[in-house]
Amino acid sequence: MDFATAPKRRPAEAILPMINVVFLLLIFFLMTAQIAPRAPFSVTPPDAPSEGAPEGDGILFAGADGALFYNGLQGDALWAGLSDRAADAPLILRADSALQGPEFAALLSRLGAMGIASVELVVGGR
């Protein structure tokens, strides 16, 4: 009979700390990610060189047919919602490239009359 000592088993790897790190990284990326609101209708921005991503506190969508959308508001409620925002913060404008020039100019004039001093237009980079 062979009473030699049994071969030693390798200790199990500690996987729990790795799961904790992955879970914390997942939470970190979810909390720091900026989730953009979905566009209420299809908007194709005009092609132009871009200096960077626009920064502002609200997004005004302007469709090819002149339809406007801001923070879930349309029609007259949209203008009331725009007047409630801070005038010194820039407004992000996502206008369709097919929007006619006179309608675009009228929109900018009305925004300026409301006291919105800065409007940043979203463009598709080349």
C-alpha atoms as a PDB file:
ATOM      1  CA  MET A   1       0.000   0.000   0.000  1.00  0.00           C
ATOM      2  CA  ASP A   2       1.151   3.421  -0.904  1.00  0.00           C
ATOM      3  CA  PHE A   3       0.467   5.944   1.837  1.00  0.00           C
ATOM      4  CA  ALA A   4       2.181   8.826   0.110  1.00  0.00           C
ATOM      5  CA  THR A   5       0.704  12.260   0.494  1.00  0.00           C
ATOM      6  CA  ALA A   6      -1.972  13.176  -1.972  1.00  0.00           C
ATOM      7  CA  PRO A   7      -0.990  15.667  -4.666  1.00  0.00           C
ATOM      8  CA  LYS A   8      -1.714  19.258  -3.682  1.00  0.00           C
ATOM      9  CA  ARG A   9      -4.529  20.968  -5.500  1.00  0.00           C
ATOM     10  CA  ARG A  10      -4.032  24.457  -6.818  1.00  0.00           C
ATOM     11  CA  PRO A  11      -5.987  27.017  -4.837  1.00  0.00           C
ATOM     12  CA  ALA A  12      -9.035  28.362  -6.615  1.00  0.00           C
ATOM     13  CA  GLU A  13      -8.509  31.714  -8.261  1.00  0.00           C
ATOM     14  CA  ALA A  14     -10.187  34.621  -6.563  1.00  0.00           C
ATOM     15  CA  ILE A  15     -12.612  35.852  -9.229  1.00  0.00           C
ATOM     16  CA  LEU A  16     -14.806  37.875  -6.906  1.00  0.00           C
ATOM     17  CA  PRO A  17     -12.482  40.941  -6.839  1.00  0.00           C
ATOM     18  CA  MET A  18     -12.416  40.968 -10.632  1.00  0.00           C
ATOM     19  CA  ILE A  19     -16.225  40.878 -10.775  1.00  0.00           C
ATOM     20  CA  ASN A  20     -16.353  43.779  -8.306  1.00  0.00           C
ATOM     21  CA  VAL A  21     -13.960  45.868 -10.426  1.00  0.00           C
ATOM     22  CA  VAL A  22     -15.907  45.193 -13.623  1.00  0.00           C
ATOM     23  CA  PHE A  23     -19.177  46.063 -11.893  1.00  0.00           C
ATOM     24  CA  LEU A  24     -17.737  49.336 -10.547  1.00  0.00           C
ATOM     25  CA  LEU A  25     -16.407  50.252 -14.004  1.00  0.00           C
ATOM     26  CA  LEU A  26     -19.828  49.565 -15.497  1.00  0.00           C
ATOM     27  CA  ILE A  27     -21.493  51.834 -12.937  1.00  0.00           C
ATOM     28  CA  PHE A  28     -18.868  54.534 -13.526  1.00  0.00           C
ATOM     29  CA  PHE A  29     -19.399  54.556 -17.306  1.00  0.00           C
ATOM     30  CA  LEU A  30     -23.177  54.531 -16.973  1.00  0.00           C
ATOM     31  CA  MET A  31     -23.140  57.456 -14.548  1.00  0.00           C
ATOM     32  CA  THR A  32     -20.689  59.604 -16.525  1.00  0.00           C
ATOM     33  CA  ALA A  33     -22.106  58.992 -20.008  1.00  0.00           C
ATOM     34  CA  GLN A  34     -24.127  61.746 -21.595  1.00  0.00           C
ATOM     35  CA  ILE A  35     -27.274  60.309 -23.018  1.00  0.00           C
ATOM     36  CA  ALA A  36     -28.573  62.459 -25.857  1.00  0.00           C
ATOM     37  CA  PRO A  37     -32.308  62.835 -26.301  1.00  0.00           C
ATOM     38  CA  ARG A  38     -33.803  61.188 -29.352  1.00  0.00           C
ATOM     39  CA  ALA A  39     -34.711  63.464 -32.208  1.00  0.00           C
ATOM     40  CA  PRO A  40     -38.502  63.863 -32.496  1.00  0.00           C
ATOM     41  CA  PHE A  41     -38.207  63.714 -36.294  1.00  0.00           C
ATOM     42  CA  SER A  42     -35.474  63.018 -38.813  1.00  0.00           C
ATOM     43  CA  VAL A  43     -32.980  65.877 -39.055  1.00  0.00           C
ATOM     44  CA  THR A  44     -30.102  65.840 -41.535  1.00  0.00           C
ATOM     45  CA  PRO A  45     -27.654  68.549 -40.472  1.00  0.00           C
ATOM     46  CA  PRO A  46     -25.888  70.588 -43.156  1.00  0.00           C
ATOM     47  CA  ASP A  47     -22.372  69.534 -44.182  1.00  0.00           C
ATOM     48  CA  ALA A  48     -19.743  71.955 -42.961  1.00  0.00           C
ATOM     49  CA  PRO A  49     -16.436  71.775 -41.120  1.00  0.00           C
ATOM     50  CA  SER A  50     -16.926  71.535 -37.378  1.00  0.00           C
ATOM     51  CA  GLU A  51     -14.692  72.874 -34.613  1.00  0.00           C
ATOM     52  CA  GLY A  52     -16.131  70.535 -31.989  1.00  0.00           C
ATOM     53  CA  ALA A  53     -19.290  69.450 -30.301  1.00  0.00           C
ATOM     54  CA  PRO A  54     -21.691  72.277 -29.467  1.00  0.00           C
ATOM     55  CA  GLU A  55     -22.359  72.996 -25.817  1.00  0.00           C
ATOM     56  CA  GLY A  56     -25.619  74.274 -24.426  1.00  0.00           C
ATOM     57  CA  ASP A  57     -28.465  73.498 -22.072  1.00  0.00           C
ATOM     58  CA  GLY A  58     -31.225  72.726 -24.548  1.00  0.00           C
ATOM     59  CA  ILE A  59     -31.689  71.437 -28.092  1.00  0.00           C
ATOM     60  CA  LEU A  60     -34.102  73.062 -30.529  1.00  0.00           C
ATOM     61  CA  PHE A  61     -34.974  70.787 -33.468  1.00  0.00           C
ATOM     62  CA  ALA A  62     -36.041  72.375 -36.771  1.00  0.00           C
ATOM     63  CA  GLY A  63     -37.330  70.051 -39.500  1.00  0.00           C
ATOM     64  CA  ALA A  64     -37.225  70.529 -43.259  1.00  0.00           C
ATOM     65  CA  ASP A  65     -40.896  71.542 -43.232  1.00  0.00           C
ATOM     66  CA  GLY A  66     -40.336  74.171 -40.519  1.00  0.00           C
ATOM     67  CA  ALA A  67     -41.620  72.002 -37.644  1.00  0.00           C
ATOM     68  CA  LEU A  68     -40.020  72.935 -34.310  1.00  0.00           C
ATOM     69  CA  PHE A  69     -39.485  70.833 -31.176  1.00  0.00           C
ATOM     70  CA  TYR A  70     -37.867  71.786 -27.844  1.00  0.00           C
ATOM     71  CA  ASN A  71     -37.842  69.614 -24.681  1.00  0.00           C
ATOM     72  CA  GLY A  72     -41.071  67.840 -25.571  1.00  0.00           C
ATOM     73  CA  LEU A  73     -42.826  71.096 -26.535  1.00  0.00           C
ATOM     74  CA  GLN A  74     -44.315  72.120 -29.883  1.00  0.00           C
ATOM     75  CA  GLY A  75     -46.360  75.046 -31.133  1.00  0.00           C
ATOM     76  CA  ASP A  76     -46.965  78.003 -28.788  1.00  0.00           C
ATOM     77  CA  ALA A  77     -45.819  76.001 -25.748  1.00  0.00           C
ATOM     78  CA  LEU A  78     -42.391  75.762 -27.387  1.00  0.00           C
ATOM     79  CA  TRP A  79     -41.923  79.534 -27.339  1.00  0.00           C
ATOM     80  CA  ALA A  80     -43.022  79.690 -23.708  1.00  0.00           C
ATOM     81  CA  GLY A  81     -40.503  76.965 -22.845  1.00  0.00           C
ATOM     82  CA  LEU A  82     -37.744  78.823 -24.674  1.00  0.00           C
ATOM     83  CA  SER A  83     -38.540  82.047 -22.826  1.00  0.00           C
ATOM     84  CA  ASP A  84     -38.195  80.245 -19.465  1.00  0.00           C
ATOM     85  CA  ARG A  85     -34.580  79.175 -20.083  1.00  0.00           C
ATOM     86  CA  ALA A  86     -31.533  81.216 -19.112  1.00  0.00           C
ATOM     87  CA  ALA A  87     -30.804  83.802 -21.810  1.00  0.00           C
ATOM     88  CA  ASP A  88     -27.026  83.726 -21.368  1.00  0.00           C
ATOM     89  CA  ALA A  89     -26.704  79.941 -21.936  1.00  0.00           C
ATOM     90  CA  PRO A  90     -26.163  78.944 -25.571  1.00  0.00           C
ATOM     91  CA  LEU A  91     -28.996  77.143 -27.335  1.00  0.00           C
ATOM     92  CA  ILE A  92     -28.158  74.158 -29.555  1.00  0.00           C
ATOM     93  CA  LEU A  93     -30.012  74.225 -32.884  1.00  0.00           C
ATOM     94  CA  ARG A  94     -30.349  71.023 -34.914  1.00  0.00           C
ATOM     95  CA  ALA A  95     -31.762  72.303 -38.196  1.00  0.00           C
ATOM     96  CA  ASP A  96     -32.363  70.145 -41.252  1.00  0.00           C
ATOM     97  CA  SER A  97     -30.229  70.994 -44.276  1.00  0.00           C
ATOM     98  CA  ALA A  98     -33.398  71.232 -46.386  1.00  0.00           C
ATOM     99  CA  LEU A  99     -34.836  74.034 -44.213  1.00  0.00           C
ATOM    100  CA  GLN A 100     -35.361  77.093 -46.402  1.00  0.00           C
ATOM    101  CA  GLY A 101     -33.193  80.163 -45.784  1.00  0.00           C
ATOM    102  CA  PRO A 102     -36.046  82.617 -45.096  1.00  0.00           C
ATOM    103  CA  GLU A 103     -37.572  80.254 -42.509  1.00  0.00           C
ATOM    104  CA  PHE A 104     -34.149  79.789 -40.882  1.00  0.00           C
ATOM    105  CA  ALA A 105     -33.581  83.555 -40.783  1.00  0.00           C
ATOM    106  CA  ALA A 106     -37.045  84.126 -39.293  1.00  0.00           C
ATOM    107  CA  LEU A 107     -36.322  81.510 -36.622  1.00  0.00           C
ATOM    108  CA  LEU A 108     -33.025  83.174 -35.689  1.00  0.00           C
ATOM    109  CA  SER A 109     -34.706  86.602 -35.609  1.00  0.00           C
ATOM    110  CA  ARG A 110     -37.426  85.361 -33.272  1.00  0.00           C
ATOM    111  CA  LEU A 111     -34.848  83.723 -30.990  1.00  0.00           C
ATOM    112  CA  GLY A 112     -32.867  86.966 -30.898  1.00  0.00           C
ATOM    113  CA  ALA A 113     -36.010  88.960 -30.086  1.00  0.00           C
ATOM    114  CA  MET A 114     -36.601  86.607 -27.142  1.00  0.00           C
ATOM    115  CA  GLY A 115     -33.185  87.526 -25.754  1.00  0.00           C
ATOM    116  CA  ILE A 116     -31.325  84.354 -26.691  1.00  0.00           C
ATOM    117  CA  ALA A 117     -27.873  85.721 -27.400  1.00  0.00           C
ATOM    118  CA  SER A 118     -26.038  82.562 -28.474  1.00  0.00           C
ATOM    119  CA  VAL A 119     -27.216  79.811 -30.828  1.00  0.00           C
ATOM    120  CA  GLU A 120     -24.901  76.957 -31.828  1.00  0.00           C
ATOM    121  CA  LEU A 121     -25.801  75.154 -35.053  1.00  0.00           C
ATOM    122  CA  VAL A 122     -25.107  71.419 -35.227  1.00  0.00           C
ATOM    123  CA  VAL A 123     -23.424  70.489 -38.517  1.00  0.00           C
ATOM    124  CA  GLY A 124     -22.214  67.243 -40.042  1.00  0.00           C
ATOM    125  CA  GLY A 125     -18.413  67.249 -40.155  1.00  0.00           C
ATOM    126  CA  ARG A 126     -16.520  66.664 -43.370  1.00  0.00           C
END
